[in-house]
PDB file of N, CA and C in Angstrom:
ATOM      1  N   MET A   1     129.647 100.117  93.282  1.00  0.00           N
ATOM      2  CA  MET A   1     129.504  99.394  94.538  1.00  0.00           C
ATOM      3  C   MET A   1     128.050  98.984  94.758  1.00  0.00           C
ATOM      4  N   SER A   2     127.106  99.931  94.569  1.00  0.00           N
ATOM      5  CA  SER A   2     125.687  99.595  94.783  1.00  0.00           C
ATOM      6  C   SER A   2     125.207  98.586  93.740  1.00  0.00           C
ATOM      7  N   PHE A   3     125.851  98.595  92.560  1.00  0.00           N
ATOM      8  CA  PHE A   3     125.517  97.627  91.536  1.00  0.00           C
ATOM      9  C   PHE A   3     125.755  96.207  92.038  1.00  0.00           C
ATOM     10  N   TRP A   4     126.912  95.972  92.667  1.00  0.00           N
ATOM     11  CA  TRP A   4     127.242  94.633  93.153  1.00  0.00           C
ATOM     12  C   TRP A   4     126.380  94.232  94.339  1.00  0.00           C
ATOM     13  N   ILE A   5     126.022  95.196  95.161  1.00  0.00           N
ATOM     14  CA  ILE A   5     125.126  94.896  96.281  1.00  0.00           C
ATOM     15  C   ILE A   5     123.751  94.483  95.757  1.00  0.00           C
ATOM     16  N   THR A   6     123.281  95.180  94.726  1.00  0.00           N
ATOM     17  CA  THR A   6     121.992  94.837  94.131  1.00  0.00           C
ATOM     18  C   THR A   6     122.040  93.461  93.485  1.00  0.00           C
ATOM     19  N   ILE A   7     123.095  93.171  92.754  1.00  0.00           N
ATOM     20  CA  ILE A   7     123.251  91.860  92.111  1.00  0.00           C
ATOM     21  C   ILE A   7     123.294  90.762  93.170  1.00  0.00           C
ATOM     22  N   CYS A   8     124.047  90.959  94.241  1.00  0.00           N
ATOM     23  CA  CYS A   8     124.119  89.955  95.302  1.00  0.00           C
ATOM     24  C   CYS A   8     122.769  89.766  95.981  1.00  0.00           C
ATOM     25  N   GLY A   9     122.042  90.859  96.193  1.00  0.00           N
ATOM     26  CA  GLY A   9     120.713  90.766  96.802  1.00  0.00           C
ATOM     27  C   GLY A   9     119.740  90.014  95.922  1.00  0.00           C
ATOM     28  N   LEU A  10     119.742  90.309  94.614  1.00  0.00           N
ATOM     29  CA  LEU A  10     118.876  89.598  93.681  1.00  0.00           C
ATOM     30  C   LEU A  10     119.230  88.114  93.605  1.00  0.00           C
ATOM     31  N   PHE A  11     120.526  87.812  93.597  1.00  0.00           N
ATOM     32  CA  PHE A  11     120.956  86.414  93.568  1.00  0.00           C
ATOM     33  C   PHE A  11     120.524  85.684  94.833  1.00  0.00           C
ATOM     34  N   PHE A  12     120.662  86.328  95.952  1.00  0.00           N
ATOM     35  CA  PHE A  12     120.235  85.732  97.232  1.00  0.00           C
ATOM     36  C   PHE A  12     118.711  85.508  97.228  1.00  0.00           C
ATOM     37  N   GLY A  13     117.954  86.480  96.739  1.00  0.00           N
ATOM     38  CA  GLY A  13     116.504  86.329  96.645  1.00  0.00           C
ATOM     39  C   GLY A  13     116.115  85.182  95.739  1.00  0.00           C
ATOM     40  N   LEU A  14     116.821  85.055  94.612  1.00  0.00           N
ATOM     41  CA  LEU A  14     116.562  83.961  93.687  1.00  0.00           C
ATOM     42  C   LEU A  14     116.844  82.612  94.353  1.00  0.00           C
ATOM     43  N   LEU A  15     117.926  82.546  95.104  1.00  0.00           N
ATOM     44  CA  LEU A  15     118.249  81.302  95.822  1.00  0.00           C
ATOM     45  C   LEU A  15     117.161  80.938  96.841  1.00  0.00           C
ATOM     46  N   ILE A  16     116.639  81.933  97.528  1.00  0.00           N
ATOM     47  CA  ILE A  16     115.570  81.686  98.506  1.00  0.00           C
ATOM     48  C   ILE A  16     114.320  81.161  97.804  1.00  0.00           C
ATOM     49  N   ILE A  17     113.966  81.748  96.668  1.00  0.00           N
ATOM     50  CA  ILE A  17     112.786  81.307  95.929  1.00  0.00           C
ATOM     51  C   ILE A  17     112.966  79.874  95.431  1.00  0.00           C
ATOM     52  N   ILE A  18     114.127  79.568  94.883  1.00  0.00           N
ATOM     53  CA  ILE A  18     114.402  78.217  94.407  1.00  0.00           C
ATOM     54  C   ILE A  18     114.359  77.219  95.551  1.00  0.00           C
ATOM     55  N   GLU A  19     114.924  77.583  96.690  1.00  0.00           N
ATOM     56  CA  GLU A  19     114.923  76.690  97.858  1.00  0.00           C
ATOM     57  C   GLU A  19     113.502  76.403  98.320  1.00  0.00           C
ATOM     58  N   GLU A  20     112.656  77.426  98.355  1.00  0.00           N
ATOM     59  CA  GLU A  20     111.271  77.236  98.793  1.00  0.00           C
ATOM     60  C   GLU A  20     110.493  76.371  97.802  1.00  0.00           C
ATOM     61  N   LEU A  21     110.746  76.550  96.512  1.00  0.00           N
ATOM     62  CA  LEU A  21     110.085  75.709  95.511  1.00  0.00           C
ATOM     63  C   LEU A  21     110.497  74.243  95.647  1.00  0.00           C
ATOM     64  N   ILE A  22     111.771  74.001  95.906  1.00  0.00           N
ATOM     65  CA  ILE A  22     112.250  72.632  96.111  1.00  0.00           C
ATOM     66  C   ILE A  22     111.601  72.048  97.371  1.00  0.00           C
ATOM     67  N   TYR A  23     111.536  72.822  98.448  1.00  0.00           N
ATOM     68  CA  TYR A  23     110.930  72.362  99.682  1.00  0.00           C
ATOM     69  C   TYR A  23     109.452  72.024  99.468  1.00  0.00           C
ATOM     70  N   TYR A  24     108.715  72.886  98.764  1.00  0.00           N
ATOM     71  CA  TYR A  24     107.296  72.659  98.504  1.00  0.00           C
ATOM     72  C   TYR A  24     107.096  71.409  97.654  1.00  0.00           C
ATOM     73  N   SER A  25     107.872  71.277  96.581  1.00  0.00           N
ATOM     74  CA  SER A  25     107.703  70.136  95.689  1.00  0.00           C
ATOM     75  C   SER A  25     108.100  68.827  96.388  1.00  0.00           C
ATOM     76  N   TRP A  26     109.121  68.866  97.241  1.00  0.00           N
ATOM     77  CA  TRP A  26     109.527  67.655  97.961  1.00  0.00           C
ATOM     78  C   TRP A  26     108.430  67.225  98.943  1.00  0.00           C
ATOM     79  N   ASN A  27     107.873  68.163  99.690  1.00  0.00           N
ATOM     80  CA  ASN A  27     106.789  67.837 100.612  1.00  0.00           C
ATOM     81  C   ASN A  27     105.569  67.296  99.865  1.00  0.00           C
ATOM     82  N   ARG A  28     105.288  67.869  98.716  1.00  0.00           N
ATOM     83  CA  ARG A  28     104.164  67.374  97.927  1.00  0.00           C
ATOM     84  C   ARG A  28     104.442  65.965  97.417  1.00  0.00           C
ATOM     85  N   TYR A  29     105.691  65.697  97.052  1.00  0.00           N
ATOM     86  CA  TYR A  29     106.066  64.365  96.586  1.00  0.00           C
ATOM     87  C   TYR A  29     105.975  63.354  97.729  1.00  0.00           C
ATOM     88  N   VAL A  30     106.454  63.719  98.904  1.00  0.00           N
ATOM     89  CA  VAL A  30     106.493  62.777 100.042  1.00  0.00           C
ATOM     90  C   VAL A  30     105.098  62.570 100.627  1.00  0.00           C
ATOM     91  N   TYR A  31     104.356  63.652 100.867  1.00  0.00           N
ATOM     92  CA  TYR A  31     103.072  63.550 101.567  1.00  0.00           C
ATOM     93  C   TYR A  31     101.861  63.546 100.625  1.00  0.00           C
ATOM     94  N   GLY A  32     102.063  63.840  99.367  1.00  0.00           N
ATOM     95  CA  GLY A  32     100.954  63.887  98.420  1.00  0.00           C
ATOM     96  C   GLY A  32     100.284  65.240  98.446  1.00  0.00           C
ATOM     97  N   PRO A  33      99.423  65.475  97.459  1.00  0.00           N
ATOM     98  CA  PRO A  33      98.727  66.754  97.409  1.00  0.00           C
ATOM     99  C   PRO A  33      97.740  66.882  98.569  1.00  0.00           C
ATOM    100  N   ASN A  34      97.530  68.109  99.002  1.00  0.00           N
ATOM    101  CA  ASN A  34      96.608  68.366 100.104  1.00  0.00           C
ATOM    102  C   ASN A  34      95.199  68.548  99.519  1.00  0.00           C
ATOM    103  N   LEU A  35      94.477  67.455  99.413  1.00  0.00           N
ATOM    104  CA  LEU A  35      93.159  67.466  98.774  1.00  0.00           C
ATOM    105  C   LEU A  35      92.128  68.203  99.601  1.00  0.00           C
ATOM    106  N   GLU A  36      92.260  68.122 100.928  1.00  0.00           N
ATOM    107  CA  GLU A  36      91.282  68.790 101.800  1.00  0.00           C
ATOM    108  C   GLU A  36      91.344  70.298 101.609  1.00  0.00           C
ATOM    109  N   ARG A  37      92.532  70.859 101.562  1.00  0.00           N
ATOM    110  CA  ARG A  37      92.679  72.301 101.376  1.00  0.00           C
ATOM    111  C   ARG A  37      92.140  72.709 100.010  1.00  0.00           C
ATOM    112  N   ARG A  38      92.410  71.897  98.981  1.00  0.00           N
ATOM    113  CA  ARG A  38      91.910  72.209  97.644  1.00  0.00           C
ATOM    114  C   ARG A  38      90.390  72.181  97.620  1.00  0.00           C
ATOM    115  N   ARG A  39      89.787  71.201  98.324  1.00  0.00           N
ATOM    116  CA  ARG A  39      88.343  71.094  98.380  1.00  0.00           C
ATOM    117  C   ARG A  39      87.723  72.315  99.072  1.00  0.00           C
ATOM    118  N   LYS A  40      88.381  72.799 100.134  1.00  0.00           N
ATOM    119  CA  LYS A  40      87.880  73.982 100.841  1.00  0.00           C
ATOM    120  C   LYS A  40      87.876  75.192  99.923  1.00  0.00           C
ATOM    121  N   TRP A  41      88.942  75.393  99.156  1.00  0.00           N
ATOM    122  CA  TRP A  41      89.008  76.556  98.262  1.00  0.00           C
ATOM    123  C   TRP A  41      87.974  76.458  97.158  1.00  0.00           C
ATOM    124  N   LYS A  42      87.749  75.233  96.656  1.00  0.00           N
ATOM    125  CA  LYS A  42      86.726  75.082  95.618  1.00  0.00           C
ATOM    126  C   LYS A  42      85.352  75.416  96.167  1.00  0.00           C
ATOM    127  N   LYS A  43      85.068  75.006  97.403  1.00  0.00           N
ATOM    128  CA  LYS A  43      83.779  75.330  98.025  1.00  0.00           C
ATOM    129  C   LYS A  43      83.617  76.830  98.195  1.00  0.00           C
ATOM    130  N   ARG A  44      84.672  77.508  98.619  1.00  0.00           N
ATOM    131  CA  ARG A  44      84.610  78.960  98.801  1.00  0.00           C
ATOM    132  C   ARG A  44      84.351  79.671  97.475  1.00  0.00           C
ATOM    133  N   LEU A  45      85.068  79.262  96.430  1.00  0.00           N
ATOM    134  CA  LEU A  45      84.896  79.905  95.132  1.00  0.00           C
ATOM    135  C   LEU A  45      83.497  79.662  94.573  1.00  0.00           C
ATOM    136  N   THR A  46      82.997  78.442  94.706  1.00  0.00           N
ATOM    137  CA  THR A  46      81.648  78.178  94.201  1.00  0.00           C
ATOM    138  C   THR A  46      80.604  78.972  95.001  1.00  0.00           C
ATOM    139  N   ALA A  47      80.833  79.141  96.300  1.00  0.00           N
ATOM    140  CA  ALA A  47      79.900  79.934  97.111  1.00  0.00           C
ATOM    141  C   ALA A  47      79.884  81.381  96.648  1.00  0.00           C
ATOM    142  N   VAL A  48      81.034  81.931  96.339  1.00  0.00           N
ATOM    143  CA  VAL A  48      81.112  83.315  95.863  1.00  0.00           C
ATOM    144  C   VAL A  48      80.436  83.446  94.498  1.00  0.00           C
ATOM    145  N   PHE A  49      80.679  82.495  93.605  1.00  0.00           N
ATOM    146  CA  PHE A  49      80.030  82.534  92.289  1.00  0.00           C
ATOM    147  C   PHE A  49      78.529  82.440  92.412  1.00  0.00           C
ATOM    148  N   ARG A  50      78.049  81.560  93.311  1.00  0.00           N
ATOM    149  CA  ARG A  50      76.599  81.431  93.512  1.00  0.00           C
ATOM    150  C   ARG A  50      76.010  82.727  94.051  1.00  0.00           C
ATOM    151  N   LEU A  51      76.733  83.398  94.939  1.00  0.00           N
ATOM    152  CA  LEU A  51      76.253  84.657  95.510  1.00  0.00           C
ATOM    153  C   LEU A  51      76.077  85.710  94.406  1.00  0.00           C
ATOM    154  N   PHE A  52      77.069  85.835  93.522  1.00  0.00           N
ATOM    155  CA  PHE A  52      76.972  86.795  92.418  1.00  0.00           C
ATOM    156  C   PHE A  52      75.855  86.411  91.451  1.00  0.00           C
ATOM    157  N   LYS A  53      75.701  85.126  91.220  1.00  0.00           N
ATOM    158  CA  LYS A  53      74.665  84.673  90.300  1.00  0.00           C
ATOM    159  C   LYS A  53      73.282  84.988  90.876  1.00  0.00           C
ATOM    160  N   ARG A  54      73.093  84.792  92.160  1.00  0.00           N
ATOM    161  CA  ARG A  54      71.819  85.103  92.803  1.00  0.00           C
ATOM    162  C   ARG A  54      71.524  86.592  92.744  1.00  0.00           C
ATOM    163  N   LYS A  55      72.544  87.413  92.990  1.00  0.00           N
ATOM    164  CA  LYS A  55      72.346  88.869  92.936  1.00  0.00           C
ATOM    165  C   LYS A  55      71.913  89.298  91.547  1.00  0.00           C
ATOM    166  N   ARG A  56      72.548  88.728  90.539  1.00  0.00           N
ATOM    167  CA  ARG A  56      72.222  89.087  89.170  1.00  0.00           C
ATOM    168  C   ARG A  56      70.777  88.665  88.846  1.00  0.00           C
ATOM    169  N   GLN A  57      70.352  87.499  89.321  1.00  0.00           N
ATOM    170  CA  GLN A  57      68.998  87.039  89.066  1.00  0.00           C
ATOM    171  C   GLN A  57      67.980  87.928  89.769  1.00  0.00           C
ATOM    172  N   THR A  58      68.256  88.355  90.999  1.00  0.00           N
ATOM    173  CA  THR A  58      67.320  89.220  91.705  1.00  0.00           C
ATOM    174  C   THR A  58      67.218  90.575  91.019  1.00  0.00           C
ATOM    175  N   GLU A  59      68.322  91.091  90.487  1.00  0.00           N
ATOM    176  CA  GLU A  59      68.282  92.359  89.773  1.00  0.00           C
ATOM    177  C   GLU A  59      67.429  92.228  88.516  1.00  0.00           C
ATOM    178  N   ILE A  60      67.542  91.118  87.824  1.00  0.00           N
ATOM    179  CA  ILE A  60      66.750  90.923  86.611  1.00  0.00           C
ATOM    180  C   ILE A  60      65.270  90.849  86.970  1.00  0.00           C
ATOM    181  N   HIS A  61      64.917  90.125  88.031  1.00  0.00           N
ATOM    182  CA  HIS A  61      63.521  90.031  88.440  1.00  0.00           C
ATOM    183  C   HIS A  61      62.970  91.394  88.844  1.00  0.00           C
ATOM    184  N   GLU A  62      63.775  92.184  89.517  1.00  0.00           N
ATOM    185  CA  GLU A  62      63.337  93.520  89.923  1.00  0.00           C
ATOM    186  C   GLU A  62      63.088  94.402  88.701  1.00  0.00           C
ATOM    187  N   MET A  63      63.955  94.311  87.724  1.00  0.00           N
ATOM    188  CA  MET A  63      63.787  95.107  86.521  1.00  0.00           C
ATOM    189  C   MET A  63      62.535  94.669  85.751  1.00  0.00           C
ATOM    190  N   GLU A  64      62.263  93.374  85.693  1.00  0.00           N
ATOM    191  CA  GLU A  64      61.089  92.888  84.978  1.00  0.00           C
ATOM    192  C   GLU A  64      59.816  93.334  85.690  1.00  0.00           C
ATOM    193  N   SER A  65      59.835  93.301  87.029  1.00  0.00           N
ATOM    194  CA  SER A  65      58.635  93.714  87.774  1.00  0.00           C
ATOM    195  C   SER A  65      58.399  95.225  87.609  1.00  0.00           C
ATOM    196  N   GLU A  66      59.482  96.002  87.519  1.00  0.00           N
ATOM    197  CA  GLU A  66      59.327  97.440  87.307  1.00  0.00           C
ATOM    198  C   GLU A  66      58.734  97.727  85.933  1.00  0.00           C
ATOM    199  N   LYS A  67      59.166  96.973  84.923  1.00  0.00           N
ATOM    200  CA  LYS A  67      58.656  97.171  83.574  1.00  0.00           C
ATOM    201  C   LYS A  67      57.167  96.802  83.502  1.00  0.00           C
ATOM    202  N   SER A  68      56.792  95.716  84.168  1.00  0.00           N
ATOM    203  CA  SER A  68      55.408  95.259  84.087  1.00  0.00           C
ATOM    204  C   SER A  68      54.457  96.167  84.857  1.00  0.00           C
ATOM    205  N   SER A  69      54.979  96.879  85.867  1.00  0.00           N
ATOM    206  CA  SER A  69      54.109  97.778  86.651  1.00  0.00           C
ATOM    207  C   SER A  69      53.820  99.083  85.918  1.00  0.00           C
ATOM    208  N   HIS A  70      54.633  99.430  84.947  1.00  0.00           N
ATOM    209  CA  HIS A  70      54.429 100.703  84.223  1.00  0.00           C
ATOM    210  C   HIS A  70      53.450 100.563  83.131  1.00  0.00           C
TER     211      HIS A  70
END
């Protein structure tokens, strides 16, 4: 009995996922891709990468200054 309930639940979940994918792809087809949202995410990611790059550069400079002081 629980086997059939599990199978029905999984089938229902699969139908929901397929329906949402169809809805997303249809909206993208009708309205086009959301370029503004994509641009925002690219800006956020580049800002995070720049932050890590700056931290790494400051650590390198600190290590070089420590070596030169000894």
